[in-house]
C-alpha atoms as a PDB file:
ATOM      1  CA  UNK A   1       0.000   0.000   0.000  1.00  0.00           C
ATOM      2  CA  UNK A   2       1.068   3.538  -0.651  1.00  0.00           C
ATOM      3  CA  UNK A   3       1.648   5.788   2.384  1.00  0.00           C
ATOM      4  CA  UNK A   4      -1.326   7.993   1.437  1.00  0.00           C
ATOM      5  CA  UNK A   5      -3.710   5.026   1.559  1.00  0.00           C
ATOM      6  CA  UNK A   6      -4.063   4.472  -2.204  1.00  0.00           C
ATOM      7  CA  UNK A   7      -3.298   1.110  -3.731  1.00  0.00           C
ATOM      8  CA  UNK A   8      -0.102   0.851  -5.696  1.00  0.00           C
ATOM      9  CA  UNK A   9       0.910  -2.100  -7.821  1.00  0.00           C
ATOM     10  CA  UNK A  10      -0.284  -4.543  -5.180  1.00  0.00           C
ATOM     11  CA  UNK A  11      -3.670  -5.976  -6.020  1.00  0.00           C
ATOM     12  CA  UNK A  12      -5.314  -8.551  -8.241  1.00  0.00           C
ATOM     13  CA  UNK A  13      -2.334  -8.932 -10.572  1.00  0.00           C
ATOM     14  CA  UNK A  14      -1.017 -12.184  -9.005  1.00  0.00           C
ATOM     15  CA  UNK A  15      -4.464 -13.785  -9.427  1.00  0.00           C
ATOM     16  CA  UNK A  16      -4.491 -12.778 -13.085  1.00  0.00           C
ATOM     17  CA  UNK A  17      -1.018 -14.183 -13.548  1.00  0.00           C
ATOM     18  CA  UNK A  18      -2.095 -17.423 -11.845  1.00  0.00           C
ATOM     19  CA  UNK A  19      -5.199 -17.648 -14.041  1.00  0.00           C
ATOM     20  CA  UNK A  20      -3.137 -17.087 -17.176  1.00  0.00           C
ATOM     21  CA  UNK A  21      -0.529 -19.664 -16.189  1.00  0.00           C
ATOM     22  CA  UNK A  22      -3.231 -22.249 -15.407  1.00  0.00           C
ATOM     23  CA  UNK A  23      -4.901 -21.456 -18.746  1.00  0.00           C
ATOM     24  CA  UNK A  24      -1.572 -21.932 -20.553  1.00  0.00           C
ATOM     25  CA  UNK A  25      -0.906 -25.207 -18.727  1.00  0.00           C
ATOM     26  CA  UNK A  26      -4.338 -26.705 -19.481  1.00  0.00           C
ATOM     27  CA  UNK A  27      -4.169 -25.519 -23.087  1.00  0.00           C
ATOM     28  CA  UNK A  28      -0.731 -27.128 -23.438  1.00  0.00           C
ATOM     29  CA  UNK A  29      -2.148 -30.421 -22.124  1.00  0.00           C
ATOM     30  CA  UNK A  30      -4.831 -30.311 -24.815  1.00  0.00           C
ATOM     31  CA  UNK A  31      -2.616 -29.126 -27.668  1.00  0.00           C
ATOM     32  CA  UNK A  32       0.192 -31.589 -26.834  1.00  0.00           C
ATOM     33  CA  UNK A  33      -2.358 -34.430 -26.914  1.00  0.00           C
ATOM     34  CA  UNK A  34      -1.774 -35.343 -23.272  1.00  0.00           C
ATOM     35  CA  UNK A  35      -5.561 -35.073 -22.962  1.00  0.00           C
ATOM     36  CA  UNK A  36      -7.007 -37.037 -25.863  1.00  0.00           C
ATOM     37  CA  UNK A  37      -9.815 -35.515 -27.969  1.00  0.00           C
ATOM     38  CA  UNK A  38     -13.194 -36.206 -26.400  1.00  0.00           C
ATOM     39  CA  UNK A  39     -11.727 -37.141 -22.986  1.00  0.00           C
ATOM     40  CA  UNK A  40     -13.393 -35.947 -19.783  1.00  0.00           C
ATOM     41  CA  UNK A  41     -11.499 -33.239 -17.905  1.00  0.00           C
ATOM     42  CA  UNK A  42     -11.547 -33.806 -14.161  1.00  0.00           C
ATOM     43  CA  UNK A  43     -11.336 -30.432 -12.406  1.00  0.00           C
ATOM     44  CA  UNK A  44     -10.229 -32.005  -9.115  1.00  0.00           C
ATOM     45  CA  UNK A  45      -7.374 -33.865 -10.791  1.00  0.00           C
ATOM     46  CA  UNK A  46      -6.296 -30.796 -12.756  1.00  0.00           C
ATOM     47  CA  UNK A  47      -6.346 -28.667  -9.600  1.00  0.00           C
ATOM     48  CA  UNK A  48      -4.318 -31.284  -7.724  1.00  0.00           C
ATOM     49  CA  UNK A  49      -1.785 -31.731 -10.568  1.00  0.00           C
ATOM     50  CA  UNK A  50      -1.308 -27.982 -10.993  1.00  0.00           C
ATOM     51  CA  UNK A  51      -1.387 -27.318  -7.214  1.00  0.00           C
ATOM     52  CA  UNK A  52      -4.097 -24.662  -7.464  1.00  0.00           C
ATOM     53  CA  UNK A  53      -7.699 -24.346  -6.363  1.00  0.00           C
ATOM     54  CA  UNK A  54     -10.615 -25.101  -8.663  1.00  0.00           C
ATOM     55  CA  UNK A  55     -11.335 -21.416  -9.344  1.00  0.00           C
ATOM     56  CA  UNK A  56      -8.439 -20.809 -11.781  1.00  0.00           C
ATOM     57  CA  UNK A  57      -9.163 -24.215 -13.365  1.00  0.00           C
ATOM     58  CA  UNK A  58     -12.799 -23.207 -13.877  1.00  0.00           C
ATOM     59  CA  UNK A  59     -11.760 -19.852 -15.373  1.00  0.00           C
ATOM     60  CA  UNK A  60      -9.238 -21.525 -17.685  1.00  0.00           C
ATOM     61  CA  UNK A  61     -11.828 -24.055 -18.873  1.00  0.00           C
ATOM     62  CA  UNK A  62     -14.316 -21.257 -19.558  1.00  0.00           C
ATOM     63  CA  UNK A  63     -11.712 -19.491 -21.714  1.00  0.00           C
ATOM     64  CA  UNK A  64     -10.895 -22.725 -23.518  1.00  0.00           C
ATOM     65  CA  UNK A  65     -14.607 -23.295 -24.118  1.00  0.00           C
ATOM     66  CA  UNK A  66     -14.850 -19.889 -25.808  1.00  0.00           C
ATOM     67  CA  UNK A  67     -11.977 -21.001 -28.065  1.00  0.00           C
ATOM     68  CA  UNK A  68     -13.814 -24.301 -28.726  1.00  0.00           C
ATOM     69  CA  UNK A  69     -10.983 -26.401 -27.338  1.00  0.00           C
ATOM     70  CA  UNK A  70     -13.223 -27.856 -24.640  1.00  0.00           C
ATOM     71  CA  UNK A  71     -16.942 -28.579 -24.535  1.00  0.00           C
ATOM     72  CA  UNK A  72     -19.085 -28.007 -21.449  1.00  0.00           C
ATOM     73  CA  UNK A  73     -21.885 -30.491 -20.938  1.00  0.00           C
ATOM     74  CA  UNK A  74     -24.515 -29.470 -18.363  1.00  0.00           C
ATOM     75  CA  UNK A  75     -24.401 -31.606 -15.212  1.00  0.00           C
ATOM     76  CA  UNK A  76     -21.514 -33.643 -16.644  1.00  0.00           C
ATOM     77  CA  UNK A  77     -18.547 -31.261 -16.779  1.00  0.00           C
ATOM     78  CA  UNK A  78     -15.956 -30.496 -19.418  1.00  0.00           C
ATOM     79  CA  UNK A  79     -14.515 -32.678 -22.158  1.00  0.00           C
ATOM     80  CA  UNK A  80     -11.785 -31.846 -24.623  1.00  0.00           C
ATOM     81  CA  UNK A  81     -13.154 -31.027 -28.055  1.00  0.00           C
ATOM     82  CA  UNK A  82     -13.251 -33.889 -30.550  1.00  0.00           C
ATOM     83  CA  UNK A  83     -11.175 -33.772 -33.708  1.00  0.00           C
ATOM     84  CA  UNK A  84     -12.784 -32.510 -36.900  1.00  0.00           C
ATOM     85  CA  UNK A  85     -14.524 -35.125 -38.977  1.00  0.00           C
ATOM     86  CA  UNK A  86     -13.179 -35.720 -42.465  1.00  0.00           C
ATOM     87  CA  UNK A  87     -16.069 -33.817 -44.080  1.00  0.00           C
ATOM     88  CA  UNK A  88     -15.655 -30.869 -41.665  1.00  0.00           C
ATOM     89  CA  UNK A  89     -11.918 -30.805 -42.395  1.00  0.00           C
ATOM     90  CA  UNK A  90     -12.587 -30.858 -46.154  1.00  0.00           C
ATOM     91  CA  UNK A  91     -15.130 -28.034 -45.784  1.00  0.00           C
ATOM     92  CA  UNK A  92     -12.591 -25.979 -43.842  1.00  0.00           C
ATOM     93  CA  UNK A  93      -9.904 -26.636 -46.450  1.00  0.00           C
ATOM     94  CA  UNK A  94     -12.343 -25.708 -49.258  1.00  0.00           C
ATOM     95  CA  UNK A  95     -13.147 -22.461 -47.460  1.00  0.00           C
ATOM     96  CA  UNK A  96      -9.447 -21.674 -47.195  1.00  0.00           C
ATOM     97  CA  UNK A  97      -9.031 -22.341 -50.932  1.00  0.00           C
ATOM     98  CA  UNK A  98     -11.632 -19.642 -51.557  1.00  0.00           C
ATOM     99  CA  UNK A  99     -10.414 -17.163 -48.960  1.00  0.00           C
ATOM    100  CA  UNK A 100      -6.623 -17.251 -49.173  1.00  0.00           C
ATOM    101  CA  UNK A 101      -6.154 -16.382 -52.871  1.00  0.00           C
ATOM    102  CA  UNK A 102      -8.492 -13.411 -52.437  1.00  0.00           C
ATOM    103  CA  UNK A 103      -6.636 -12.298 -49.286  1.00  0.00           C
ATOM    104  CA  UNK A 104      -3.252 -12.618 -50.995  1.00  0.00           C
ATOM    105  CA  UNK A 105      -4.463 -10.668 -54.026  1.00  0.00           C
ATOM    106  CA  UNK A 106      -5.992  -7.986 -51.823  1.00  0.00           C
ATOM    107  CA  UNK A 107      -2.777  -7.666 -49.797  1.00  0.00           C
ATOM    108  CA  UNK A 108      -0.707  -7.495 -52.966  1.00  0.00           C
ATOM    109  CA  UNK A 109      -2.855  -4.656 -54.305  1.00  0.00           C
ATOM    110  CA  UNK A 110      -2.243  -2.728 -51.095  1.00  0.00           C
ATOM    111  CA  UNK A 111       1.530  -2.977 -51.391  1.00  0.00           C
ATOM    112  CA  UNK A 112       3.193   0.091 -52.859  1.00  0.00           C
ATOM    113  CA  UNK A 113       6.027  -1.224 -55.014  1.00  0.00           C
ATOM    114  CA  UNK A 114       7.040   2.214 -56.181  1.00  0.00           C
ATOM    115  CA  UNK A 115       6.254   4.274 -59.270  1.00  0.00           C
ATOM    116  CA  UNK A 116       5.438   2.477 -62.504  1.00  0.00           C
ATOM    117  CA  UNK A 117       4.858  -0.935 -60.953  1.00  0.00           C
ATOM    118  CA  UNK A 118       1.444  -2.505 -60.619  1.00  0.00           C
ATOM    119  CA  UNK A 119      -0.200  -5.715 -59.538  1.00  0.00           C
ATOM    120  CA  UNK A 120      -0.787  -8.259 -61.040  1.00  0.00           C
ATOM    121  CA  UNK A 121       2.431  -8.474 -63.079  1.00  0.00           C
ATOM    122  CA  UNK A 122       0.696 -10.292 -65.938  1.00  0.00           C
ATOM    123  CA  UNK A 123      -2.792 -10.364 -67.334  1.00  0.00           C
ATOM    124  CA  UNK A 124      -2.956 -14.171 -67.108  1.00  0.00           C
ATOM    125  CA  UNK A 125      -5.176 -15.590 -64.371  1.00  0.00           C
ATOM    126  CA  UNK A 126      -3.368 -17.193 -61.457  1.00  0.00           C
ATOM    127  CA  UNK A 127      -3.824 -20.855 -60.596  1.00  0.00           C
ATOM    128  CA  UNK A 128      -4.513 -22.150 -57.136  1.00  0.00           C
ATOM    129  CA  UNK A 129      -4.408 -25.932 -57.156  1.00  0.00           C
ATOM    130  CA  UNK A 130      -6.992 -27.078 -59.690  1.00  0.00           C
ATOM    131  CA  UNK A 131      -8.872 -23.789 -59.601  1.00  0.00           C
ATOM    132  CA  UNK A 132      -8.473 -20.821 -61.886  1.00  0.00           C
ATOM    133  CA  UNK A 133      -8.397 -17.602 -59.901  1.00  0.00           C
ATOM    134  CA  UNK A 134      -8.869 -14.229 -61.551  1.00  0.00           C
ATOM    135  CA  UNK A 135      -7.495 -11.515 -59.277  1.00  0.00           C
ATOM    136  CA  UNK A 136      -9.796  -8.720 -60.420  1.00  0.00           C
ATOM    137  CA  UNK A 137     -12.536  -7.500 -58.112  1.00  0.00           C
ATOM    138  CA  UNK A 138     -16.175  -7.919 -59.093  1.00  0.00           C
ATOM    139  CA  UNK A 139     -19.138  -5.949 -57.863  1.00  0.00           C
ATOM    140  CA  UNK A 140     -19.600  -8.495 -55.092  1.00  0.00           C
ATOM    141  CA  UNK A 141     -17.266  -8.742 -52.117  1.00  0.00           C
ATOM    142  CA  UNK A 142     -17.448 -12.545 -52.213  1.00  0.00           C
ATOM    143  CA  UNK A 143     -16.246 -14.782 -55.021  1.00  0.00           C
ATOM    144  CA  UNK A 144     -18.635 -16.059 -57.619  1.00  0.00           C
ATOM    145  CA  UNK A 145     -18.039 -19.799 -57.731  1.00  0.00           C
ATOM    146  CA  UNK A 146     -18.603 -21.898 -60.791  1.00  0.00           C
ATOM    147  CA  UNK A 147     -17.710 -25.536 -61.285  1.00  0.00           C
ATOM    148  CA  UNK A 148     -13.924 -25.803 -61.246  1.00  0.00           C
ATOM    149  CA  UNK A 149     -13.163 -22.079 -61.046  1.00  0.00           C
ATOM    150  CA  UNK A 150     -13.479 -19.168 -58.723  1.00  0.00           C
ATOM    151  CA  UNK A 151     -13.732 -15.624 -60.085  1.00  0.00           C
ATOM    152  CA  UNK A 152     -13.095 -12.728 -57.753  1.00  0.00           C
END
């Protein structure tokens, strides 16, 4: 405490640091596959292993739930999130195939390469895997998709 009665740097900071370190430890257990996907997370065991009370464990699990790394089931507790199914993984990859070429083209247009230089360097459409990608904007913000090609 400060001499004049006001609080200085002493306060809730150690609790925040403890909460963050518990969050990092539990996240590392999940990401390093120590806790298998879909496995039940025992708060008592986690608290005992990390030598903390259940409060920072509960706060860490709530944060991990917001990041979809754990799933809370009412009256049952927390489980680690299951792995993506093959179809969900393929959908995610397909989404990235649509998004990333547009993002790269947009970023390239924002780069100032100096006077007399422009993007794209050629008028030929770029290829992304099996898809033909035309890096010119359309009236829509989202790509118009046709079978086998994506036009931006």
